[in-house]
Amino acid sequence: MVPGSGFNGQFLFDRTLSVVYEENSPPDEDISLPTLLRCLTIGYAFTLRHTTRPSLQITSSLRPFATIPSEFVLDSTPRVFRVFPNGESSMARLAGLSHGDYIATYSLNTVSLDLFSWPRSADRSMVSRISIVLARNGTGLTAVVSVTHADAAPAVDYAALNAGQRYATYDKLRETPSATFRFGYTRLK
């Protein structure tokens, strides 16, 4: 553990600071009830452990599955994480997408995570990116969560690629924002 890091501790959701939905977001990009429940079990209360690797381990206090923490290596390299903070496997088939790819960075006051979800079949043509920026805020945290989508690369078998190859197909310049949320968290420990 990195001594004195503001990213070590147990945090509890305190308040919603803002919610912005994009005006032209199609209805099929709306958040489903299972996704909302998954977000609650991941983001309502959690423990962060900033390691010297450097990595950030996240464990949800509401996890329905007892397993290892999520671990995100903070080196700006495309990688795959094994489990969500709620203990659910990143290999689970959710909404026709393959999950688990991420890029994570760290600076003195922020941790940034970009999580990617790729289509599992040709009938799904969108890639999703969820960007999470955790910022130290006194003794607490502020989380900014942005949801964006981009067209999937044509005729690509994402399952046959590694994380770096999949990321290379993502066209960030052509992504479409869907929603942005800002949340406040209080440190419990």
N, C-alpha and C. Protein backbone atom coordinates (compact mmCIF):
# COMPACT_ATOMS: atom_id res chain seq x y z
N MET A 1 0.85 -1.17 0.00
CA MET A 1 0.00 0.00 0.00
C MET A 1 0.89 1.24 0.00
N VAL A 2 0.48 2.27 -0.74
CA VAL A 2 1.23 3.53 -0.77
C VAL A 2 0.85 4.33 0.46
N PRO A 3 1.78 4.51 1.42
CA PRO A 3 1.45 5.24 2.64
C PRO A 3 1.02 6.67 2.34
N GLY A 4 -0.03 7.13 3.01
CA GLY A 4 -0.48 8.50 2.87
C GLY A 4 -1.25 8.82 1.60
N SER A 5 -1.47 7.83 0.74
CA SER A 5 -2.22 8.09 -0.49
C SER A 5 -3.67 8.38 -0.16
N GLY A 6 -4.22 9.41 -0.79
CA GLY A 6 -5.63 9.75 -0.62
C GLY A 6 -6.56 8.73 -1.25
N PHE A 7 -5.96 7.75 -1.96
CA PHE A 7 -6.76 6.71 -2.61
C PHE A 7 -6.75 5.41 -1.81
N ASN A 8 -6.36 5.46 -0.56
CA ASN A 8 -6.49 4.33 0.36
C ASN A 8 -7.65 4.63 1.30
N GLY A 9 -8.54 3.68 1.49
CA GLY A 9 -9.61 3.90 2.45
C GLY A 9 -10.93 3.31 2.00
N GLN A 10 -11.91 3.49 2.87
CA GLN A 10 -13.27 3.03 2.61
C GLN A 10 -14.14 4.26 2.36
N PHE A 11 -14.93 4.22 1.28
CA PHE A 11 -15.71 5.38 0.86
C PHE A 11 -17.18 5.01 0.69
N LEU A 12 -18.04 5.98 1.01
CA LEU A 12 -19.49 5.80 0.92
C LEU A 12 -20.08 6.92 0.08
N PHE A 13 -20.99 6.54 -0.85
CA PHE A 13 -21.69 7.53 -1.66
C PHE A 13 -22.36 8.55 -0.74
N ASP A 14 -22.18 9.82 -1.07
CA ASP A 14 -22.71 10.91 -0.24
C ASP A 14 -23.79 11.69 -0.98
N ARG A 15 -23.52 12.01 -2.25
CA ARG A 15 -24.48 12.84 -2.99
C ARG A 15 -24.19 12.79 -4.50
N THR A 16 -25.23 13.08 -5.26
CA THR A 16 -25.09 13.25 -6.71
C THR A 16 -24.86 14.73 -6.94
N LEU A 17 -23.75 15.07 -7.58
CA LEU A 17 -23.42 16.47 -7.82
C LEU A 17 -24.02 16.96 -9.13
N SER A 18 -24.07 16.11 -10.15
CA SER A 18 -24.71 16.49 -11.41
C SER A 18 -24.95 15.25 -12.26
N VAL A 19 -25.96 15.36 -13.13
CA VAL A 19 -26.29 14.32 -14.09
C VAL A 19 -26.60 15.02 -15.40
N VAL A 20 -25.92 14.64 -16.47
CA VAL A 20 -26.16 15.24 -17.78
C VAL A 20 -26.36 14.12 -18.79
N TYR A 21 -27.54 14.09 -19.41
CA TYR A 21 -27.81 13.14 -20.49
C TYR A 21 -27.71 13.90 -21.80
N GLU A 22 -27.09 13.30 -22.77
CA GLU A 22 -26.98 13.94 -24.08
C GLU A 22 -28.34 13.94 -24.76
N GLU A 23 -28.66 15.05 -25.39
CA GLU A 23 -29.97 15.25 -26.00
C GLU A 23 -30.27 14.25 -27.11
N ASN A 24 -29.28 13.91 -27.91
CA ASN A 24 -29.51 13.05 -29.07
C ASN A 24 -29.19 11.59 -28.82
N SER A 25 -29.10 11.20 -27.58
CA SER A 25 -28.78 9.81 -27.24
C SER A 25 -29.97 8.92 -27.58
N PRO A 26 -29.77 7.86 -28.39
CA PRO A 26 -30.89 6.99 -28.76
C PRO A 26 -31.39 6.17 -27.57
N PRO A 27 -32.68 5.81 -27.58
CA PRO A 27 -33.27 5.06 -26.46
C PRO A 27 -32.57 3.73 -26.17
N ASP A 28 -31.97 3.08 -27.18
CA ASP A 28 -31.32 1.80 -26.92
C ASP A 28 -30.03 1.96 -26.11
N GLU A 29 -29.59 3.19 -25.88
CA GLU A 29 -28.43 3.44 -25.03
C GLU A 29 -28.82 3.80 -23.60
N ASP A 30 -30.13 3.80 -23.30
CA ASP A 30 -30.58 4.06 -21.93
C ASP A 30 -30.05 2.98 -20.99
N ILE A 31 -29.86 3.35 -19.75
CA ILE A 31 -29.36 2.42 -18.75
C ILE A 31 -30.48 1.47 -18.34
N SER A 32 -30.23 0.16 -18.44
CA SER A 32 -31.22 -0.85 -18.08
C SER A 32 -31.25 -1.04 -16.56
N LEU A 33 -32.30 -1.66 -16.07
CA LEU A 33 -32.41 -1.94 -14.64
C LEU A 33 -31.27 -2.84 -14.15
N PRO A 34 -30.93 -3.94 -14.86
CA PRO A 34 -29.79 -4.75 -14.39
C PRO A 34 -28.48 -3.95 -14.34
N THR A 35 -28.28 -3.06 -15.30
CA THR A 35 -27.07 -2.23 -15.29
C THR A 35 -27.09 -1.28 -14.10
N LEU A 36 -28.25 -0.69 -13.82
CA LEU A 36 -28.37 0.21 -12.67
C LEU A 36 -28.07 -0.53 -11.36
N LEU A 37 -28.62 -1.74 -11.21
CA LEU A 37 -28.35 -2.53 -10.01
C LEU A 37 -26.87 -2.90 -9.90
N ARG A 38 -26.27 -3.23 -11.02
CA ARG A 38 -24.84 -3.55 -11.05
C ARG A 38 -24.03 -2.32 -10.62
N CYS A 39 -24.41 -1.15 -11.11
CA CYS A 39 -23.71 0.09 -10.74
C CYS A 39 -23.84 0.35 -9.24
N LEU A 40 -25.01 0.09 -8.67
CA LEU A 40 -25.21 0.28 -7.23
C LEU A 40 -24.32 -0.65 -6.42
N THR A 41 -24.24 -1.93 -6.83
CA THR A 41 -23.41 -2.86 -6.07
C THR A 41 -21.92 -2.56 -6.24
N ILE A 42 -21.56 -1.86 -7.29
CA ILE A 42 -20.15 -1.51 -7.50
C ILE A 42 -19.82 -0.17 -6.84
N GLY A 43 -20.67 0.83 -7.02
CA GLY A 43 -20.27 2.19 -6.68
C GLY A 43 -20.87 2.84 -5.46
N TYR A 44 -21.72 2.15 -4.71
CA TYR A 44 -22.33 2.80 -3.55
C TYR A 44 -21.35 2.92 -2.38
N ALA A 45 -20.68 1.85 -2.07
CA ALA A 45 -19.69 1.84 -0.98
C ALA A 45 -18.56 0.91 -1.39
N PHE A 46 -17.32 1.37 -1.23
CA PHE A 46 -16.19 0.56 -1.69
C PHE A 46 -14.93 0.90 -0.91
N THR A 47 -13.98 -0.01 -1.00
CA THR A 47 -12.66 0.18 -0.40
C THR A 47 -11.64 0.29 -1.52
N LEU A 48 -10.78 1.31 -1.42
CA LEU A 48 -9.68 1.49 -2.36
C LEU A 48 -8.37 1.16 -1.66
N ARG A 49 -7.48 0.52 -2.40
CA ARG A 49 -6.15 0.23 -1.90
C ARG A 49 -5.16 0.57 -3.01
N HIS A 50 -4.41 1.63 -2.80
CA HIS A 50 -3.41 2.09 -3.77
C HIS A 50 -2.10 1.36 -3.46
N THR A 51 -1.66 0.49 -4.36
CA THR A 51 -0.47 -0.32 -4.11
C THR A 51 0.76 0.29 -4.75
N THR A 52 1.92 -0.19 -4.34
CA THR A 52 3.19 0.33 -4.88
C THR A 52 3.51 -0.24 -6.25
N ARG A 53 2.69 -1.09 -6.81
CA ARG A 53 2.95 -1.75 -8.10
C ARG A 53 3.17 -0.76 -9.24
N PRO A 54 2.60 0.30 -9.59
CA PRO A 54 1.44 0.92 -8.94
C PRO A 54 0.13 0.39 -9.52
N SER A 55 -0.80 0.14 -8.64
CA SER A 55 -2.13 -0.29 -9.06
C SER A 55 -3.15 0.22 -8.05
N LEU A 56 -4.40 0.14 -8.45
CA LEU A 56 -5.50 0.48 -7.56
C LEU A 56 -6.39 -0.74 -7.45
N GLN A 57 -6.59 -1.23 -6.23
CA GLN A 57 -7.51 -2.34 -5.99
C GLN A 57 -8.81 -1.76 -5.45
N ILE A 58 -9.93 -2.27 -5.99
CA ILE A 58 -11.25 -1.78 -5.60
C ILE A 58 -12.11 -2.97 -5.19
N THR A 59 -12.70 -2.88 -4.00
CA THR A 59 -13.60 -3.92 -3.52
C THR A 59 -14.89 -3.26 -3.07
N SER A 60 -16.00 -3.67 -3.65
CA SER A 60 -17.31 -3.14 -3.26
C SER A 60 -17.71 -3.69 -1.90
N SER A 61 -18.26 -2.83 -1.06
CA SER A 61 -18.79 -3.27 0.23
C SER A 61 -20.11 -4.02 0.06
N LEU A 62 -20.74 -3.91 -1.10
CA LEU A 62 -22.03 -4.56 -1.38
C LEU A 62 -21.88 -5.73 -2.35
N ARG A 63 -20.70 -6.27 -2.47
CA ARG A 63 -20.48 -7.30 -3.49
C ARG A 63 -21.26 -8.57 -3.15
N PRO A 64 -22.03 -9.06 -4.12
CA PRO A 64 -22.77 -10.31 -3.91
C PRO A 64 -21.89 -11.55 -4.11
N PHE A 65 -20.67 -11.35 -4.65
CA PHE A 65 -19.76 -12.47 -4.92
C PHE A 65 -18.47 -12.25 -4.13
N ALA A 66 -18.10 -13.20 -3.30
CA ALA A 66 -16.85 -13.10 -2.54
C ALA A 66 -15.70 -13.58 -3.41
N THR A 67 -14.83 -12.67 -3.78
CA THR A 67 -13.71 -13.01 -4.66
C THR A 67 -12.59 -12.01 -4.46
N ILE A 68 -11.61 -12.04 -5.33
CA ILE A 68 -10.48 -11.12 -5.26
C ILE A 68 -10.95 -9.70 -5.60
N PRO A 69 -10.19 -8.68 -5.18
CA PRO A 69 -10.55 -7.30 -5.56
C PRO A 69 -10.30 -7.07 -7.06
N SER A 70 -10.98 -6.08 -7.60
CA SER A 70 -10.61 -5.60 -8.94
C SER A 70 -9.25 -4.95 -8.81
N GLU A 71 -8.39 -5.18 -9.78
CA GLU A 71 -7.08 -4.53 -9.74
C GLU A 71 -6.82 -3.87 -11.08
N PHE A 72 -6.45 -2.58 -11.02
CA PHE A 72 -6.17 -1.79 -12.21
C PHE A 72 -4.74 -1.27 -12.12
N VAL A 73 -3.88 -1.74 -13.02
CA VAL A 73 -2.50 -1.28 -13.06
C VAL A 73 -2.50 0.12 -13.66
N LEU A 74 -1.84 1.06 -12.99
CA LEU A 74 -1.91 2.49 -13.34
C LEU A 74 -0.73 2.89 -14.23
N ASP A 75 -0.66 2.31 -15.43
CA ASP A 75 0.50 2.56 -16.30
C ASP A 75 0.15 2.98 -17.72
N SER A 76 -1.08 3.38 -17.97
CA SER A 76 -1.53 3.87 -19.29
C SER A 76 -1.41 2.82 -20.39
N THR A 77 -1.41 1.55 -20.03
CA THR A 77 -1.29 0.45 -21.00
C THR A 77 -2.62 -0.29 -21.08
N PRO A 78 -3.10 -0.61 -22.30
CA PRO A 78 -4.32 -1.41 -22.39
C PRO A 78 -4.12 -2.78 -21.73
N ARG A 79 -5.03 -3.13 -20.86
CA ARG A 79 -4.97 -4.39 -20.11
C ARG A 79 -6.37 -4.96 -19.93
N VAL A 80 -6.45 -6.14 -19.31
CA VAL A 80 -7.73 -6.78 -19.01
C VAL A 80 -7.81 -7.01 -17.50
N PHE A 81 -8.92 -6.58 -16.87
CA PHE A 81 -9.12 -6.89 -15.46
C PHE A 81 -9.98 -8.14 -15.33
N ARG A 82 -9.85 -8.85 -14.21
CA ARG A 82 -10.49 -10.15 -14.05
C ARG A 82 -11.90 -10.08 -13.48
N VAL A 83 -12.10 -9.20 -12.50
CA VAL A 83 -13.41 -9.11 -11.85
C VAL A 83 -13.81 -7.66 -11.66
N PHE A 84 -15.11 -7.42 -11.67
CA PHE A 84 -15.64 -6.11 -11.33
C PHE A 84 -15.52 -5.94 -9.81
N PRO A 85 -15.58 -4.70 -9.31
CA PRO A 85 -15.48 -4.49 -7.86
C PRO A 85 -16.55 -5.21 -7.04
N ASN A 86 -17.68 -5.57 -7.67
CA ASN A 86 -18.73 -6.31 -6.95
C ASN A 86 -18.49 -7.82 -6.96
N GLY A 87 -17.37 -8.26 -7.51
CA GLY A 87 -17.02 -9.67 -7.53
C GLY A 87 -17.46 -10.42 -8.77
N GLU A 88 -18.24 -9.79 -9.63
CA GLU A 88 -18.72 -10.42 -10.85
C GLU A 88 -17.58 -10.55 -11.85
N SER A 89 -17.50 -11.67 -12.53
CA SER A 89 -16.44 -11.90 -13.50
C SER A 89 -16.54 -10.93 -14.67
N SER A 90 -15.41 -10.41 -15.11
CA SER A 90 -15.42 -9.53 -16.28
C SER A 90 -15.70 -10.31 -17.56
N MET A 91 -15.66 -11.64 -17.49
CA MET A 91 -15.93 -12.48 -18.65
C MET A 91 -17.42 -12.80 -18.79
N ALA A 92 -18.24 -12.35 -17.85
CA ALA A 92 -19.68 -12.60 -17.92
C ALA A 92 -20.26 -11.95 -19.18
N ARG A 93 -21.21 -12.63 -19.79
CA ARG A 93 -21.87 -12.08 -20.97
C ARG A 93 -22.97 -11.13 -20.50
N LEU A 94 -22.76 -9.85 -20.73
CA LEU A 94 -23.71 -8.84 -20.32
C LEU A 94 -24.06 -7.98 -21.52
N ALA A 95 -25.33 -7.93 -21.88
CA ALA A 95 -25.83 -7.06 -22.95
C ALA A 95 -25.15 -7.30 -24.28
N GLY A 96 -24.73 -8.53 -24.55
CA GLY A 96 -24.11 -8.84 -25.84
C GLY A 96 -22.73 -8.24 -26.02
N LEU A 97 -22.10 -7.85 -24.91
CA LEU A 97 -20.78 -7.22 -24.98
C LEU A 97 -19.76 -8.05 -24.21
N SER A 98 -18.51 -7.90 -24.60
CA SER A 98 -17.38 -8.49 -23.90
C SER A 98 -16.72 -7.39 -23.10
N HIS A 99 -16.56 -7.60 -21.80
CA HIS A 99 -16.05 -6.57 -20.89
C HIS A 99 -14.66 -6.93 -20.39
N GLY A 100 -14.02 -6.01 -19.72
CA GLY A 100 -12.77 -6.31 -19.04
C GLY A 100 -11.57 -5.50 -19.48
N ASP A 101 -11.61 -4.88 -20.66
CA ASP A 101 -10.47 -4.08 -21.11
C ASP A 101 -10.47 -2.73 -20.40
N TYR A 102 -9.28 -2.25 -20.07
CA TYR A 102 -9.17 -0.94 -19.42
C TYR A 102 -7.82 -0.31 -19.70
N ILE A 103 -7.77 0.98 -19.46
CA ILE A 103 -6.52 1.75 -19.41
C ILE A 103 -6.64 2.61 -18.16
N ALA A 104 -5.61 2.60 -17.31
CA ALA A 104 -5.66 3.34 -16.05
C ALA A 104 -4.42 4.20 -15.89
N THR A 105 -4.62 5.42 -15.38
CA THR A 105 -3.51 6.34 -15.12
C THR A 105 -3.66 6.93 -13.73
N TYR A 106 -2.54 7.42 -13.21
CA TYR A 106 -2.52 8.00 -11.87
C TYR A 106 -1.71 9.29 -11.89
N SER A 107 -2.24 10.30 -11.20
CA SER A 107 -1.46 11.50 -10.90
C SER A 107 -1.66 11.75 -9.41
N LEU A 108 -1.01 12.74 -8.86
CA LEU A 108 -1.05 12.96 -7.42
C LEU A 108 -2.47 13.06 -6.86
N ASN A 109 -3.38 13.69 -7.60
CA ASN A 109 -4.73 13.93 -7.08
C ASN A 109 -5.84 13.18 -7.81
N THR A 110 -5.50 12.45 -8.88
CA THR A 110 -6.55 11.76 -9.64
C THR A 110 -6.11 10.37 -10.08
N VAL A 111 -7.11 9.51 -10.21
CA VAL A 111 -6.95 8.21 -10.87
C VAL A 111 -7.98 8.20 -11.99
N SER A 112 -7.54 7.84 -13.20
CA SER A 112 -8.45 7.77 -14.35
C SER A 112 -8.51 6.33 -14.85
N LEU A 113 -9.74 5.85 -15.04
CA LEU A 113 -9.97 4.51 -15.57
C LEU A 113 -10.84 4.63 -16.81
N ASP A 114 -10.42 4.06 -17.91
CA ASP A 114 -11.26 3.93 -19.09
C ASP A 114 -11.57 2.45 -19.26
N LEU A 115 -12.85 2.09 -19.18
CA LEU A 115 -13.29 0.71 -19.29
C LEU A 115 -13.99 0.54 -20.63
N PHE A 116 -13.66 -0.52 -21.35
CA PHE A 116 -14.20 -0.75 -22.69
C PHE A 116 -15.04 -2.01 -22.73
N SER A 117 -16.12 -1.97 -23.53
CA SER A 117 -16.97 -3.12 -23.77
C SER A 117 -17.11 -3.27 -25.28
N TRP A 118 -16.76 -4.47 -25.76
CA TRP A 118 -16.70 -4.74 -27.20
C TRP A 118 -17.84 -5.66 -27.61
N PRO A 119 -18.34 -5.53 -28.87
CA PRO A 119 -19.41 -6.42 -29.33
C PRO A 119 -18.92 -7.87 -29.38
N ARG A 120 -19.80 -8.79 -28.97
CA ARG A 120 -19.46 -10.22 -29.02
C ARG A 120 -19.86 -10.84 -30.35
N SER A 121 -20.69 -10.15 -31.11
CA SER A 121 -21.12 -10.69 -32.40
C SER A 121 -21.32 -9.54 -33.38
N ALA A 122 -21.45 -9.90 -34.66
CA ALA A 122 -21.57 -8.90 -35.72
C ALA A 122 -22.89 -8.13 -35.66
N ASP A 123 -23.91 -8.66 -34.96
CA ASP A 123 -25.20 -7.95 -34.92
C ASP A 123 -25.17 -6.75 -33.97
N ARG A 124 -24.11 -6.59 -33.21
CA ARG A 124 -23.94 -5.43 -32.32
C ARG A 124 -22.83 -4.58 -32.90
N SER A 125 -23.10 -3.30 -33.18
CA SER A 125 -22.13 -2.49 -33.92
C SER A 125 -21.52 -1.35 -33.10
N MET A 126 -21.72 -1.35 -31.78
CA MET A 126 -21.20 -0.26 -30.96
C MET A 126 -20.20 -0.77 -29.92
N VAL A 127 -19.20 0.06 -29.67
CA VAL A 127 -18.25 -0.16 -28.59
C VAL A 127 -18.58 0.87 -27.51
N SER A 128 -18.60 0.46 -26.27
CA SER A 128 -18.88 1.38 -25.16
C SER A 128 -17.60 1.67 -24.40
N ARG A 129 -17.47 2.93 -23.98
CA ARG A 129 -16.35 3.32 -23.11
C ARG A 129 -16.94 4.05 -21.91
N ILE A 130 -16.57 3.58 -20.74
CA ILE A 130 -16.95 4.25 -19.50
C ILE A 130 -15.68 4.83 -18.91
N SER A 131 -15.67 6.13 -18.77
CA SER A 131 -14.51 6.83 -18.21
C SER A 131 -14.84 7.23 -16.78
N ILE A 132 -13.98 6.82 -15.85
CA ILE A 132 -14.17 7.15 -14.43
C ILE A 132 -12.94 7.91 -13.96
N VAL A 133 -13.16 9.11 -13.45
CA VAL A 133 -12.06 9.90 -12.89
C VAL A 133 -12.36 10.10 -11.41
N LEU A 134 -11.49 9.55 -10.57
CA LEU A 134 -11.59 9.72 -9.13
C LEU A 134 -10.64 10.83 -8.73
N ALA A 135 -11.16 11.85 -8.06
CA ALA A 135 -10.33 12.98 -7.64
C ALA A 135 -10.44 13.15 -6.13
N ARG A 136 -9.29 13.37 -5.51
CA ARG A 136 -9.29 13.64 -4.07
C ARG A 136 -10.01 14.96 -3.82
N ASN A 137 -10.83 14.97 -2.79
CA ASN A 137 -11.62 16.15 -2.45
C ASN A 137 -11.60 16.28 -0.93
N GLY A 138 -10.62 16.98 -0.39
CA GLY A 138 -10.44 17.00 1.06
C GLY A 138 -10.11 15.59 1.51
N THR A 139 -10.91 15.04 2.43
CA THR A 139 -10.69 13.66 2.84
C THR A 139 -11.55 12.69 2.04
N GLY A 140 -12.46 13.21 1.21
CA GLY A 140 -13.34 12.37 0.41
C GLY A 140 -12.87 12.26 -1.03
N LEU A 141 -13.81 11.85 -1.88
CA LEU A 141 -13.54 11.71 -3.30
C LEU A 141 -14.68 12.30 -4.10
N THR A 142 -14.36 12.76 -5.30
CA THR A 142 -15.36 13.08 -6.31
C THR A 142 -15.13 12.12 -7.46
N ALA A 143 -16.20 11.54 -7.98
CA ALA A 143 -16.11 10.63 -9.12
C ALA A 143 -16.88 11.24 -10.28
N VAL A 144 -16.23 11.35 -11.43
CA VAL A 144 -16.89 11.77 -12.66
C VAL A 144 -16.95 10.55 -13.56
N VAL A 145 -18.16 10.15 -13.93
CA VAL A 145 -18.37 8.96 -14.76
C VAL A 145 -18.99 9.41 -16.07
N SER A 146 -18.31 9.13 -17.18
CA SER A 146 -18.81 9.49 -18.51
C SER A 146 -19.03 8.22 -19.32
N VAL A 147 -20.16 8.16 -20.02
CA VAL A 147 -20.48 7.02 -20.86
C VAL A 147 -20.49 7.49 -22.31
N THR A 148 -19.70 6.84 -23.15
CA THR A 148 -19.64 7.19 -24.57
C THR A 148 -19.72 5.92 -25.40
N HIS A 149 -20.03 6.10 -26.69
CA HIS A 149 -20.12 4.98 -27.62
C HIS A 149 -19.43 5.37 -28.92
N ALA A 150 -18.90 4.38 -29.61
CA ALA A 150 -18.31 4.59 -30.93
C ALA A 150 -18.67 3.39 -31.79
N ASP A 151 -18.67 3.60 -33.10
CA ASP A 151 -18.92 2.48 -34.01
C ASP A 151 -17.82 1.45 -33.88
N ALA A 152 -18.22 0.19 -33.91
CA ALA A 152 -17.24 -0.90 -33.90
C ALA A 152 -16.54 -0.94 -35.25
N ALA A 153 -15.29 -1.36 -35.25
CA ALA A 153 -14.56 -1.52 -36.51
C ALA A 153 -15.25 -2.62 -37.32
N PRO A 154 -15.43 -2.40 -38.63
CA PRO A 154 -16.12 -3.41 -39.45
C PRO A 154 -15.30 -4.69 -39.58
N ALA A 155 -15.99 -5.82 -39.55
CA ALA A 155 -15.41 -7.14 -39.79
C ALA A 155 -14.23 -7.47 -38.88
N VAL A 156 -14.32 -7.08 -37.61
CA VAL A 156 -13.26 -7.39 -36.65
C VAL A 156 -13.79 -8.41 -35.66
N ASP A 157 -13.02 -9.48 -35.45
CA ASP A 157 -13.34 -10.47 -34.42
C ASP A 157 -12.60 -10.06 -33.15
N TYR A 158 -13.28 -9.29 -32.30
CA TYR A 158 -12.64 -8.76 -31.10
C TYR A 158 -12.14 -9.86 -30.17
N ALA A 159 -12.80 -11.02 -30.18
CA ALA A 159 -12.39 -12.12 -29.31
C ALA A 159 -11.02 -12.67 -29.69
N ALA A 160 -10.61 -12.46 -30.93
CA ALA A 160 -9.31 -12.98 -31.39
C ALA A 160 -8.16 -12.00 -31.15
N LEU A 161 -8.47 -10.82 -30.62
CA LEU A 161 -7.45 -9.79 -30.41
C LEU A 161 -7.08 -9.68 -28.93
N ASN A 162 -5.88 -9.18 -28.65
CA ASN A 162 -5.53 -8.88 -27.26
C ASN A 162 -5.99 -7.46 -26.93
N ALA A 163 -5.86 -7.05 -25.68
CA ALA A 163 -6.38 -5.75 -25.24
C ALA A 163 -5.78 -4.59 -26.03
N GLY A 164 -4.48 -4.62 -26.30
CA GLY A 164 -3.84 -3.56 -27.07
C GLY A 164 -4.36 -3.48 -28.49
N GLN A 165 -4.57 -4.63 -29.11
CA GLN A 165 -5.10 -4.66 -30.48
C GLN A 165 -6.54 -4.16 -30.52
N ARG A 166 -7.34 -4.56 -29.54
CA ARG A 166 -8.73 -4.07 -29.51
C ARG A 166 -8.75 -2.56 -29.34
N TYR A 167 -7.95 -2.06 -28.41
CA TYR A 167 -7.90 -0.62 -28.16
C TYR A 167 -7.47 0.14 -29.42
N ALA A 168 -6.56 -0.41 -30.20
CA ALA A 168 -6.09 0.24 -31.43
C ALA A 168 -7.22 0.43 -32.45
N THR A 169 -8.29 -0.37 -32.35
CA THR A 169 -9.41 -0.22 -33.29
C THR A 169 -10.40 0.85 -32.85
N TYR A 170 -10.28 1.32 -31.60
CA TYR A 170 -11.26 2.27 -31.06
C TYR A 170 -11.00 3.67 -31.61
N ASP A 171 -12.02 4.27 -32.22
CA ASP A 171 -11.89 5.59 -32.82
C ASP A 171 -12.46 6.64 -31.87
N LYS A 172 -11.61 7.14 -30.97
CA LYS A 172 -12.05 8.09 -29.94
C LYS A 172 -12.55 9.40 -30.55
N LEU A 173 -12.04 9.76 -31.72
CA LEU A 173 -12.47 11.00 -32.37
C LEU A 173 -13.91 10.93 -32.86
N ARG A 174 -14.44 9.72 -33.03
CA ARG A 174 -15.80 9.57 -33.54
C ARG A 174 -16.77 9.05 -32.48
N GLU A 175 -16.37 9.12 -31.22
CA GLU A 175 -17.27 8.63 -30.18
C GLU A 175 -18.38 9.64 -29.91
N THR A 176 -19.50 9.12 -29.41
CA THR A 176 -20.67 9.93 -29.09
C THR A 176 -20.94 9.85 -27.60
N PRO A 177 -21.00 10.99 -26.91
CA PRO A 177 -21.31 10.94 -25.48
C PRO A 177 -22.78 10.59 -25.24
N SER A 178 -23.03 9.83 -24.18
CA SER A 178 -24.40 9.49 -23.80
C SER A 178 -24.81 10.17 -22.50
N ALA A 179 -23.92 10.13 -21.51
CA ALA A 179 -24.25 10.72 -20.20
C ALA A 179 -22.98 10.97 -19.40
N THR A 180 -23.08 11.93 -18.48
CA THR A 180 -21.99 12.21 -17.54
C THR A 180 -22.60 12.41 -16.16
N PHE A 181 -22.00 11.77 -15.17
CA PHE A 181 -22.46 11.83 -13.79
C PHE A 181 -21.31 12.30 -12.91
N ARG A 182 -21.62 13.11 -11.90
CA ARG A 182 -20.63 13.49 -10.88
C ARG A 182 -21.18 13.11 -9.51
N PHE A 183 -20.38 12.35 -8.76
CA PHE A 183 -20.79 11.86 -7.45
C PHE A 183 -19.79 12.28 -6.39
N GLY A 184 -20.29 12.52 -5.18
CA GLY A 184 -19.42 12.80 -4.03
C GLY A 184 -19.39 11.61 -3.09
N TYR A 185 -18.22 11.35 -2.52
CA TYR A 185 -18.03 10.23 -1.59
C TYR A 185 -17.38 10.73 -0.31
N THR A 186 -17.84 10.21 0.82
CA THR A 186 -17.28 10.50 2.13
C THR A 186 -16.37 9.35 2.54
N ARG A 187 -15.23 9.69 3.12
CA ARG A 187 -14.32 8.66 3.62
C ARG A 187 -14.85 8.15 4.96
N LEU A 188 -14.97 6.82 5.08
CA LEU A 188 -15.38 6.20 6.34
C LEU A 188 -14.18 5.80 7.19
N LYS A 189 -13.14 5.31 6.53
CA LYS A 189 -11.90 4.89 7.21
C LYS A 189 -10.71 5.33 6.39
